[in-house]
Amino acid sequence: VASVLQDSLQREGDVVCRYGGEEF
């Protein structure tokens, strides 16, 4: 899922984080 979320971002300034447990 982390890989999918990272691939969904197409701009350099966007950031994906693991917020806690199974939440991002």
mmCIF file of all heavy atoms, coordinates in Angstrom:
data_MODEL
# 
_entry.id   MODEL 
# 
loop_
_atom_site.group_PDB 
_atom_site.id 
_atom_site.type_symbol 
_atom_site.label_atom_id 
_atom_site.label_alt_id 
_atom_site.label_comp_id 
_atom_site.label_asym_id 
_atom_site.label_entity_id 
_atom_site.label_seq_id 
_atom_site.pdbx_PDB_ins_code 
_atom_site.Cartn_x 
_atom_site.Cartn_y 
_atom_site.Cartn_z 
_atom_site.occupancy 
_atom_site.B_iso_or_equiv 
_atom_site.pdbx_formal_charge 
_atom_site.auth_seq_id 
_atom_site.auth_comp_id 
_atom_site.auth_asym_id 
_atom_site.auth_atom_id 
_atom_site.pdbx_PDB_model_num 
ATOM 1   N N   . VAL A 1 1  ? 0.837  -1.204 0.000   1.00 0.00 ? 1  VAL A N   1 
ATOM 2   C CA  . VAL A 1 1  ? 0.000  0.000  0.000   1.00 0.00 ? 1  VAL A CA  1 
ATOM 3   C C   . VAL A 1 1  ? 0.869  1.250  0.000   1.00 0.00 ? 1  VAL A C   1 
ATOM 4   O O   . VAL A 1 1  ? 0.581  2.236  -0.708  1.00 0.00 ? 1  VAL A O   1 
ATOM 5   C CB  . VAL A 1 1  ? -0.955 -0.011 1.199   1.00 0.00 ? 1  VAL A CB  1 
ATOM 6   C CG1 . VAL A 1 1  ? -1.654 1.335  1.345   1.00 0.00 ? 1  VAL A CG1 1 
ATOM 7   C CG2 . VAL A 1 1  ? -1.979 -1.126 1.062   1.00 0.00 ? 1  VAL A CG2 1 
ATOM 8   N N   . ALA A 1 2  ? 1.940  1.259  0.786   1.00 0.00 ? 2  ALA A N   1 
ATOM 9   C CA  . ALA A 1 2  ? 2.860  2.411  0.819   1.00 0.00 ? 2  ALA A CA  1 
ATOM 10  C C   . ALA A 1 2  ? 3.433  2.668  -0.561  1.00 0.00 ? 2  ALA A C   1 
ATOM 11  O O   . ALA A 1 2  ? 3.546  3.822  -1.003  1.00 0.00 ? 2  ALA A O   1 
ATOM 12  C CB  . ALA A 1 2  ? 3.981  2.161  1.831   1.00 0.00 ? 2  ALA A CB  1 
ATOM 13  N N   . SER A 1 3  ? 3.783  1.588  -1.272  1.00 0.00 ? 3  SER A N   1 
ATOM 14  C CA  . SER A 1 3  ? 4.329  1.740  -2.623  1.00 0.00 ? 3  SER A CA  1 
ATOM 15  C C   . SER A 1 3  ? 3.290  2.325  -3.579  1.00 0.00 ? 3  SER A C   1 
ATOM 16  O O   . SER A 1 3  ? 3.600  3.183  -4.419  1.00 0.00 ? 3  SER A O   1 
ATOM 17  C CB  . SER A 1 3  ? 4.831  0.393  -3.141  1.00 0.00 ? 3  SER A CB  1 
ATOM 18  O OG  . SER A 1 3  ? 5.322  0.500  -4.457  1.00 0.00 ? 3  SER A OG  1 
ATOM 19  N N   . VAL A 1 4  ? 2.030  1.862  -3.441  1.00 0.00 ? 4  VAL A N   1 
ATOM 20  C CA  . VAL A 1 4  ? 0.952  2.389  -4.279  1.00 0.00 ? 4  VAL A CA  1 
ATOM 21  C C   . VAL A 1 4  ? 0.747  3.880  -4.027  1.00 0.00 ? 4  VAL A C   1 
ATOM 22  O O   . VAL A 1 4  ? 0.606  4.682  -4.960  1.00 0.00 ? 4  VAL A O   1 
ATOM 23  C CB  . VAL A 1 4  ? -0.346 1.598  -4.023  1.00 0.00 ? 4  VAL A CB  1 
ATOM 24  C CG1 . VAL A 1 4  ? -1.555 2.357  -4.578  1.00 0.00 ? 4  VAL A CG1 1 
ATOM 25  C CG2 . VAL A 1 4  ? -0.269 0.218  -4.629  1.00 0.00 ? 4  VAL A CG2 1 
ATOM 26  N N   . LEU A 1 5  ? 0.731  4.262  -2.749  1.00 0.00 ? 5  LEU A N   1 
ATOM 27  C CA  . LEU A 1 5  ? 0.529  5.674  -2.415  1.00 0.00 ? 5  LEU A CA  1 
ATOM 28  C C   . LEU A 1 5  ? 1.687  6.534  -2.954  1.00 0.00 ? 5  LEU A C   1 
ATOM 29  O O   . LEU A 1 5  ? 1.467  7.651  -3.439  1.00 0.00 ? 5  LEU A O   1 
ATOM 30  C CB  . LEU A 1 5  ? 0.414  5.849  -0.906  1.00 0.00 ? 5  LEU A CB  1 
ATOM 31  C CG  . LEU A 1 5  ? -0.803 5.172  -0.243  1.00 0.00 ? 5  LEU A CG  1 
ATOM 32  C CD1 . LEU A 1 5  ? -0.768 5.389  1.263   1.00 0.00 ? 5  LEU A CD1 1 
ATOM 33  C CD2 . LEU A 1 5  ? -2.110 5.700  -0.825  1.00 0.00 ? 5  LEU A CD2 1 
ATOM 34  N N   . GLN A 1 6  ? 2.881  6.015  -2.882  1.00 0.00 ? 6  GLN A N   1 
ATOM 35  C CA  . GLN A 1 6  ? 4.034  6.754  -3.389  1.00 0.00 ? 6  GLN A CA  1 
ATOM 36  C C   . GLN A 1 6  ? 3.944  6.900  -4.916  1.00 0.00 ? 6  GLN A C   1 
ATOM 37  O O   . GLN A 1 6  ? 4.260  7.964  -5.463  1.00 0.00 ? 6  GLN A O   1 
ATOM 38  C CB  . GLN A 1 6  ? 5.331  6.032  -2.996  1.00 0.00 ? 6  GLN A CB  1 
ATOM 39  C CG  . GLN A 1 6  ? 6.602  6.852  -3.228  1.00 0.00 ? 6  GLN A CG  1 
ATOM 40  C CD  . GLN A 1 6  ? 6.713  8.013  -2.253  1.00 0.00 ? 6  GLN A CD  1 
ATOM 41  O OE1 . GLN A 1 6  ? 6.626  7.841  -1.046  1.00 0.00 ? 6  GLN A OE1 1 
ATOM 42  N NE2 . GLN A 1 6  ? 6.878  9.215  -2.793  1.00 0.00 ? 6  GLN A NE2 1 
ATOM 43  N N   . ASP A 1 7  ? 3.500  5.853  -5.573  1.00 0.00 ? 7  ASP A N   1 
ATOM 44  C CA  . ASP A 1 7  ? 3.392  5.907  -7.038  1.00 0.00 ? 7  ASP A CA  1 
ATOM 45  C C   . ASP A 1 7  ? 2.268  6.824  -7.503  1.00 0.00 ? 7  ASP A C   1 
ATOM 46  O O   . ASP A 1 7  ? 2.282  7.298  -8.647  1.00 0.00 ? 7  ASP A O   1 
ATOM 47  C CB  . ASP A 1 7  ? 3.162  4.496  -7.595  1.00 0.00 ? 7  ASP A CB  1 
ATOM 48  C CG  . ASP A 1 7  ? 4.387  3.601  -7.412  1.00 0.00 ? 7  ASP A CG  1 
ATOM 49  O OD1 . ASP A 1 7  ? 5.492  4.176  -7.211  1.00 0.00 ? 7  ASP A OD1 1 
ATOM 50  O OD2 . ASP A 1 7  ? 4.228  2.375  -7.456  1.00 0.00 ? 7  ASP A OD2 1 
ATOM 51  N N   . SER A 1 8  ? 1.307  7.063  -6.638  1.00 0.00 ? 8  SER A N   1 
ATOM 52  C CA  . SER A 1 8  ? 0.182  7.906  -7.033  1.00 0.00 ? 8  SER A CA  1 
ATOM 53  C C   . SER A 1 8  ? 0.551  9.382  -7.081  1.00 0.00 ? 8  SER A C   1 
ATOM 54  O O   . SER A 1 8  ? -0.189 10.189 -7.664  1.00 0.00 ? 8  SER A O   1 
ATOM 55  C CB  . SER A 1 8  ? -0.988 7.694  -6.064  1.00 0.00 ? 8  SER A CB  1 
ATOM 56  O OG  . SER A 1 8  ? -0.659 8.193  -4.777  1.00 0.00 ? 8  SER A OG  1 
ATOM 57  N N   . LEU A 1 9  ? 1.639  9.752  -6.482  1.00 0.00 ? 9  LEU A N   1 
ATOM 58  C CA  . LEU A 1 9  ? 2.080  11.155 -6.465  1.00 0.00 ? 9  LEU A CA  1 
ATOM 59  C C   . LEU A 1 9  ? 2.955  11.431 -7.678  1.00 0.00 ? 9  LEU A C   1 
ATOM 60  O O   . LEU A 1 9  ? 3.870  10.666 -7.984  1.00 0.00 ? 9  LEU A O   1 
ATOM 61  C CB  . LEU A 1 9  ? 2.865  11.462 -5.181  1.00 0.00 ? 9  LEU A CB  1 
ATOM 62  C CG  . LEU A 1 9  ? 2.124  11.181 -3.867  1.00 0.00 ? 9  LEU A CG  1 
ATOM 63  C CD1 . LEU A 1 9  ? 2.995  11.554 -2.684  1.00 0.00 ? 9  LEU A CD1 1 
ATOM 64  C CD2 . LEU A 1 9  ? 0.799  11.933 -3.823  1.00 0.00 ? 9  LEU A CD2 1 
ATOM 65  N N   . GLN A 1 10 ? 2.674  12.493 -8.355  1.00 0.00 ? 10 GLN A N   1 
ATOM 66  C CA  . GLN A 1 10 ? 3.391  12.813 -9.588  1.00 0.00 ? 10 GLN A CA  1 
ATOM 67  C C   . GLN A 1 10 ? 4.160  14.131 -9.506  1.00 0.00 ? 10 GLN A C   1 
ATOM 68  O O   . GLN A 1 10 ? 4.767  14.550 -10.479 1.00 0.00 ? 10 GLN A O   1 
ATOM 69  C CB  . GLN A 1 10 ? 2.389  12.867 -10.767 1.00 0.00 ? 10 GLN A CB  1 
ATOM 70  C CG  . GLN A 1 10 ? 1.680  11.546 -10.999 1.00 0.00 ? 10 GLN A CG  1 
ATOM 71  C CD  . GLN A 1 10 ? 0.645  11.643 -12.108 1.00 0.00 ? 10 GLN A CD  1 
ATOM 72  O OE1 . GLN A 1 10 ? 0.179  12.725 -12.443 1.00 0.00 ? 10 GLN A OE1 1 
ATOM 73  N NE2 . GLN A 1 10 ? 0.286  10.498 -12.672 1.00 0.00 ? 10 GLN A NE2 1 
ATOM 74  N N   . ARG A 1 11 ? 4.123  14.793 -8.358  1.00 0.00 ? 11 ARG A N   1 
ATOM 75  C CA  . ARG A 1 11 ? 4.834  16.055 -8.204  1.00 0.00 ? 11 ARG A CA  1 
ATOM 76  C C   . ARG A 1 11 ? 5.835  15.955 -7.057  1.00 0.00 ? 11 ARG A C   1 
ATOM 77  O O   . ARG A 1 11 ? 5.611  15.228 -6.073  1.00 0.00 ? 11 ARG A O   1 
ATOM 78  C CB  . ARG A 1 11 ? 3.859  17.199 -7.931  1.00 0.00 ? 11 ARG A CB  1 
ATOM 79  C CG  . ARG A 1 11 ? 2.838  17.421 -9.042  1.00 0.00 ? 11 ARG A CG  1 
ATOM 80  C CD  . ARG A 1 11 ? 1.999  18.633 -8.736  1.00 0.00 ? 11 ARG A CD  1 
ATOM 81  N NE  . ARG A 1 11 ? 1.479  18.590 -7.367  1.00 0.00 ? 11 ARG A NE  1 
ATOM 82  C CZ  . ARG A 1 11 ? 0.970  19.654 -6.742  1.00 0.00 ? 11 ARG A CZ  1 
ATOM 83  N NH1 . ARG A 1 11 ? 0.925  20.816 -7.356  1.00 0.00 ? 11 ARG A NH1 1 
ATOM 84  N NH2 . ARG A 1 11 ? 0.513  19.528 -5.521  1.00 0.00 ? 11 ARG A NH2 1 
ATOM 85  N N   . GLU A 1 12 ? 6.915  16.704 -7.181  1.00 0.00 ? 12 GLU A N   1 
ATOM 86  C CA  . GLU A 1 12 ? 8.000  16.601 -6.197  1.00 0.00 ? 12 GLU A CA  1 
ATOM 87  C C   . GLU A 1 12 ? 7.593  17.117 -4.826  1.00 0.00 ? 12 GLU A C   1 
ATOM 88  O O   . GLU A 1 12 ? 8.036  16.613 -3.799  1.00 0.00 ? 12 GLU A O   1 
ATOM 89  C CB  . GLU A 1 12 ? 9.222  17.388 -6.711  1.00 0.00 ? 12 GLU A CB  1 
ATOM 90  C CG  . GLU A 1 12 ? 10.452 17.250 -5.818  1.00 0.00 ? 12 GLU A CG  1 
ATOM 91  C CD  . GLU A 1 12 ? 11.647 17.981 -6.397  1.00 0.00 ? 12 GLU A CD  1 
ATOM 92  O OE1 . GLU A 1 12 ? 11.551 18.455 -7.560  1.00 0.00 ? 12 GLU A OE1 1 
ATOM 93  O OE2 . GLU A 1 12 ? 12.668 18.088 -5.693  1.00 0.00 ? 12 GLU A OE2 1 
ATOM 94  N N   . GLY A 1 13 ? 6.752  18.128 -4.763  1.00 0.00 ? 13 GLY A N   1 
ATOM 95  C CA  . GLY A 1 13 ? 6.395  18.723 -3.482  1.00 0.00 ? 13 GLY A CA  1 
ATOM 96  C C   . GLY A 1 13 ? 5.393  17.944 -2.674  1.00 0.00 ? 13 GLY A C   1 
ATOM 97  O O   . GLY A 1 13 ? 5.162  18.245 -1.496  1.00 0.00 ? 13 GLY A O   1 
ATOM 98  N N   . ASP A 1 14 ? 4.760  16.913 -3.254  1.00 0.00 ? 14 ASP A N   1 
ATOM 99  C CA  . ASP A 1 14 ? 3.758  16.126 -2.538  1.00 0.00 ? 14 ASP A CA  1 
ATOM 100 C C   . ASP A 1 14 ? 4.451  15.107 -1.630  1.00 0.00 ? 14 ASP A C   1 
ATOM 101 O O   . ASP A 1 14 ? 5.486  14.546 -1.978  1.00 0.00 ? 14 ASP A O   1 
ATOM 102 C CB  . ASP A 1 14 ? 2.844  15.413 -3.518  1.00 0.00 ? 14 ASP A CB  1 
ATOM 103 C CG  . ASP A 1 14 ? 2.053  16.405 -4.373  1.00 0.00 ? 14 ASP A CG  1 
ATOM 104 O OD1 . ASP A 1 14 ? 1.892  17.557 -3.925  1.00 0.00 ? 14 ASP A OD1 1 
ATOM 105 O OD2 . ASP A 1 14 ? 1.642  16.031 -5.490  1.00 0.00 ? 14 ASP A OD2 1 
ATOM 106 N N   . VAL A 1 15 ? 3.849  14.866 -0.473  1.00 0.00 ? 15 VAL A N   1 
ATOM 107 C CA  . VAL A 1 15 ? 4.472  14.006 0.539   1.00 0.00 ? 15 VAL A CA  1 
ATOM 108 C C   . VAL A 1 15 ? 3.445  12.997 1.033   1.00 0.00 ? 15 VAL A C   1 
ATOM 109 O O   . VAL A 1 15 ? 2.289  13.369 1.326   1.00 0.00 ? 15 VAL A O   1 
ATOM 110 C CB  . VAL A 1 15 ? 4.995  14.846 1.727   1.00 0.00 ? 15 VAL A CB  1 
ATOM 111 C CG1 . VAL A 1 15 ? 5.545  13.922 2.819   1.00 0.00 ? 15 VAL A CG1 1 
ATOM 112 C CG2 . VAL A 1 15 ? 6.058  15.821 1.266   1.00 0.00 ? 15 VAL A CG2 1 
ATOM 113 N N   . VAL A 1 16 ? 3.873  11.721 1.143   1.00 0.00 ? 16 VAL A N   1 
ATOM 114 C CA  . VAL A 1 16 ? 3.039  10.684 1.724   1.00 0.00 ? 16 VAL A CA  1 
ATOM 115 C C   . VAL A 1 16 ? 3.715  10.166 2.985   1.00 0.00 ? 16 VAL A C   1 
ATOM 116 O O   . VAL A 1 16 ? 4.925  9.952  3.009   1.00 0.00 ? 16 VAL A O   1 
ATOM 117 C CB  . VAL A 1 16 ? 2.778  9.530  0.718   1.00 0.00 ? 16 VAL A CB  1 
ATOM 118 C CG1 . VAL A 1 16 ? 4.070  8.928  0.227   1.00 0.00 ? 16 VAL A CG1 1 
ATOM 119 C CG2 . VAL A 1 16 ? 1.885  8.454  1.349   1.00 0.00 ? 16 VAL A CG2 1 
ATOM 120 N N   . CYS A 1 17 ? 2.932  9.979  4.061   1.00 0.00 ? 17 CYS A N   1 
ATOM 121 C CA  . CYS A 1 17 ? 3.486  9.559  5.350   1.00 0.00 ? 17 CYS A CA  1 
ATOM 122 C C   . CYS A 1 17 ? 2.645  8.407  5.918   1.00 0.00 ? 17 CYS A C   1 
ATOM 123 O O   . CYS A 1 17 ? 1.452  8.271  5.606   1.00 0.00 ? 17 CYS A O   1 
ATOM 124 C CB  . CYS A 1 17 ? 3.468  10.718 6.362   1.00 0.00 ? 17 CYS A CB  1 
ATOM 125 S SG  . CYS A 1 17 ? 4.237  12.238 5.787   1.00 0.00 ? 17 CYS A SG  1 
ATOM 126 N N   . ARG A 1 18 ? 3.279  7.613  6.736   1.00 0.00 ? 18 ARG A N   1 
ATOM 127 C CA  . ARG A 1 18 ? 2.525  6.625  7.505   1.00 0.00 ? 18 ARG A CA  1 
ATOM 128 C C   . ARG A 1 18 ? 2.089  7.308  8.790   1.00 0.00 ? 18 ARG A C   1 
ATOM 129 O O   . ARG A 1 18 ? 2.911  7.621  9.663   1.00 0.00 ? 18 ARG A O   1 
ATOM 130 C CB  . ARG A 1 18 ? 3.377  5.397  7.803   1.00 0.00 ? 18 ARG A CB  1 
ATOM 131 C CG  . ARG A 1 18 ? 2.559  4.299  8.493   1.00 0.00 ? 18 ARG A CG  1 
ATOM 132 C CD  . ARG A 1 18 ? 3.401  3.102  8.850   1.00 0.00 ? 18 ARG A CD  1 
ATOM 133 N NE  . ARG A 1 18 ? 2.599  2.084  9.500   1.00 0.00 ? 18 ARG A NE  1 
ATOM 134 C CZ  . ARG A 1 18 ? 3.082  0.998  10.109  1.00 0.00 ? 18 ARG A CZ  1 
ATOM 135 N NH1 . ARG A 1 18 ? 4.404  0.805  10.120  1.00 0.00 ? 18 ARG A NH1 1 
ATOM 136 N NH2 . ARG A 1 18 ? 2.283  0.123  10.670  1.00 0.00 ? 18 ARG A NH2 1 
ATOM 137 N N   . TYR A 1 19 ? 0.790  7.514  8.910   1.00 0.00 ? 19 TYR A N   1 
ATOM 138 C CA  . TYR A 1 19 ? 0.254  8.290  10.018  1.00 0.00 ? 19 TYR A CA  1 
ATOM 139 C C   . TYR A 1 19 ? 0.182  7.459  11.298  1.00 0.00 ? 19 TYR A C   1 
ATOM 140 O O   . TYR A 1 19 ? 0.325  7.990  12.403  1.00 0.00 ? 19 TYR A O   1 
ATOM 141 C CB  . TYR A 1 19 ? -1.130 8.824  9.651   1.00 0.00 ? 19 TYR A CB  1 
ATOM 142 C CG  . TYR A 1 19 ? -1.630 9.921  10.544  1.00 0.00 ? 19 TYR A CG  1 
ATOM 143 C CD1 . TYR A 1 19 ? -1.087 11.196 10.470  1.00 0.00 ? 19 TYR A CD1 1 
ATOM 144 C CD2 . TYR A 1 19 ? -2.655 9.683  11.458  1.00 0.00 ? 19 TYR A CD2 1 
ATOM 145 C CE1 . TYR A 1 19 ? -1.553 12.212 11.293  1.00 0.00 ? 19 TYR A CE1 1 
ATOM 146 C CE2 . TYR A 1 19 ? -3.123 10.684 12.286  1.00 0.00 ? 19 TYR A CE2 1 
ATOM 147 C CZ  . TYR A 1 19 ? -2.566 11.955 12.202  1.00 0.00 ? 19 TYR A CZ  1 
ATOM 148 O OH  . TYR A 1 19 ? -3.025 12.957 13.015  1.00 0.00 ? 19 TYR A OH  1 
ATOM 149 N N   . GLY A 1 20 ? 0.009  6.189  11.162  1.00 0.00 ? 20 GLY A N   1 
ATOM 150 C CA  . GLY A 1 20 ? -0.060 5.308  12.324  1.00 0.00 ? 20 GLY A CA  1 
ATOM 151 C C   . GLY A 1 20 ? -0.846 4.055  12.010  1.00 0.00 ? 20 GLY A C   1 
ATOM 152 O O   . GLY A 1 20 ? -1.923 4.116  11.393  1.00 0.00 ? 20 GLY A O   1 
ATOM 153 N N   . GLY A 1 21 ? -0.335 2.868  12.411  1.00 0.00 ? 21 GLY A N   1 
ATOM 154 C CA  . GLY A 1 21 ? -1.044 1.612  12.158  1.00 0.00 ? 21 GLY A CA  1 
ATOM 155 C C   . GLY A 1 21 ? -1.243 1.394  10.673  1.00 0.00 ? 21 GLY A C   1 
ATOM 156 O O   . GLY A 1 21 ? -0.289 1.357  9.896   1.00 0.00 ? 21 GLY A O   1 
ATOM 157 N N   . GLU A 1 22 ? -2.545 1.241  10.248  1.00 0.00 ? 22 GLU A N   1 
ATOM 158 C CA  . GLU A 1 22 ? -2.843 1.034  8.827   1.00 0.00 ? 22 GLU A CA  1 
ATOM 159 C C   . GLU A 1 22 ? -3.316 2.331  8.172   1.00 0.00 ? 22 GLU A C   1 
ATOM 160 O O   . GLU A 1 22 ? -3.879 2.321  7.091   1.00 0.00 ? 22 GLU A O   1 
ATOM 161 C CB  . GLU A 1 22 ? -3.918 -0.041 8.662   1.00 0.00 ? 22 GLU A CB  1 
ATOM 162 C CG  . GLU A 1 22 ? -5.295 0.336  9.146   1.00 0.00 ? 22 GLU A CG  1 
ATOM 163 C CD  . GLU A 1 22 ? -5.505 0.056  10.634  1.00 0.00 ? 22 GLU A CD  1 
ATOM 164 O OE1 . GLU A 1 22 ? -4.504 -0.103 11.379  1.00 0.00 ? 22 GLU A OE1 1 
ATOM 165 O OE2 . GLU A 1 22 ? -6.661 -0.025 11.058  1.00 0.00 ? 22 GLU A OE2 1 
ATOM 166 N N   . GLU A 1 23 ? -3.055 3.481  8.805   1.00 0.00 ? 23 GLU A N   1 
ATOM 167 C CA  . GLU A 1 23 ? -3.516 4.764  8.304   1.00 0.00 ? 23 GLU A CA  1 
ATOM 168 C C   . GLU A 1 23 ? -2.339 5.550  7.715   1.00 0.00 ? 23 GLU A C   1 
ATOM 169 O O   . GLU A 1 23 ? -1.241 5.585  8.285   1.00 0.00 ? 23 GLU A O   1 
ATOM 170 C CB  . GLU A 1 23 ? -4.183 5.566  9.424   1.00 0.00 ? 23 GLU A CB  1 
ATOM 171 C CG  . GLU A 1 23 ? -4.911 6.804  8.920   1.00 0.00 ? 23 GLU A CG  1 
ATOM 172 C CD  . GLU A 1 23 ? -5.701 7.475  10.030  1.00 0.00 ? 23 GLU A CD  1 
ATOM 173 O OE1 . GLU A 1 23 ? -5.681 6.968  11.174  1.00 0.00 ? 23 GLU A OE1 1 
ATOM 174 O OE2 . GLU A 1 23 ? -6.339 8.508  9.753   1.00 0.00 ? 23 GLU A OE2 1 
ATOM 175 N N   . PHE A 1 24 ? -2.607 6.212  6.583   1.00 0.00 ? 24 PHE A N   1 
ATOM 176 C CA  . PHE A 1 24 ? -1.588 7.004  5.882   1.00 0.00 ? 24 PHE A CA  1 
ATOM 177 C C   . PHE A 1 24 ? -2.137 8.408  5.633   1.00 0.00 ? 24 PHE A C   1 
ATOM 178 O O   . PHE A 1 24 ? -3.364 8.625  5.655   1.00 0.00 ? 24 PHE A O   1 
ATOM 179 C CB  . PHE A 1 24 ? -1.220 6.350  4.544   1.00 0.00 ? 24 PHE A CB  1 
ATOM 180 C CG  . PHE A 1 24 ? -0.661 4.963  4.689   1.00 0.00 ? 24 PHE A CG  1 
ATOM 181 C CD1 . PHE A 1 24 ? -1.521 3.846  4.758   1.00 0.00 ? 24 PHE A CD1 1 
ATOM 182 C CD2 . PHE A 1 24 ? 0.704  4.744  4.753   1.00 0.00 ? 24 PHE A CD2 1 
ATOM 183 C CE1 . PHE A 1 24 ? -1.019 2.575  4.887   1.00 0.00 ? 24 PHE A CE1 1 
ATOM 184 C CE2 . PHE A 1 24 ? 1.200  3.465  4.879   1.00 0.00 ? 24 PHE A CE2 1 
ATOM 185 C CZ  . PHE A 1 24 ? 0.353  2.376  4.951   1.00 0.00 ? 24 PHE A CZ  1 
# 
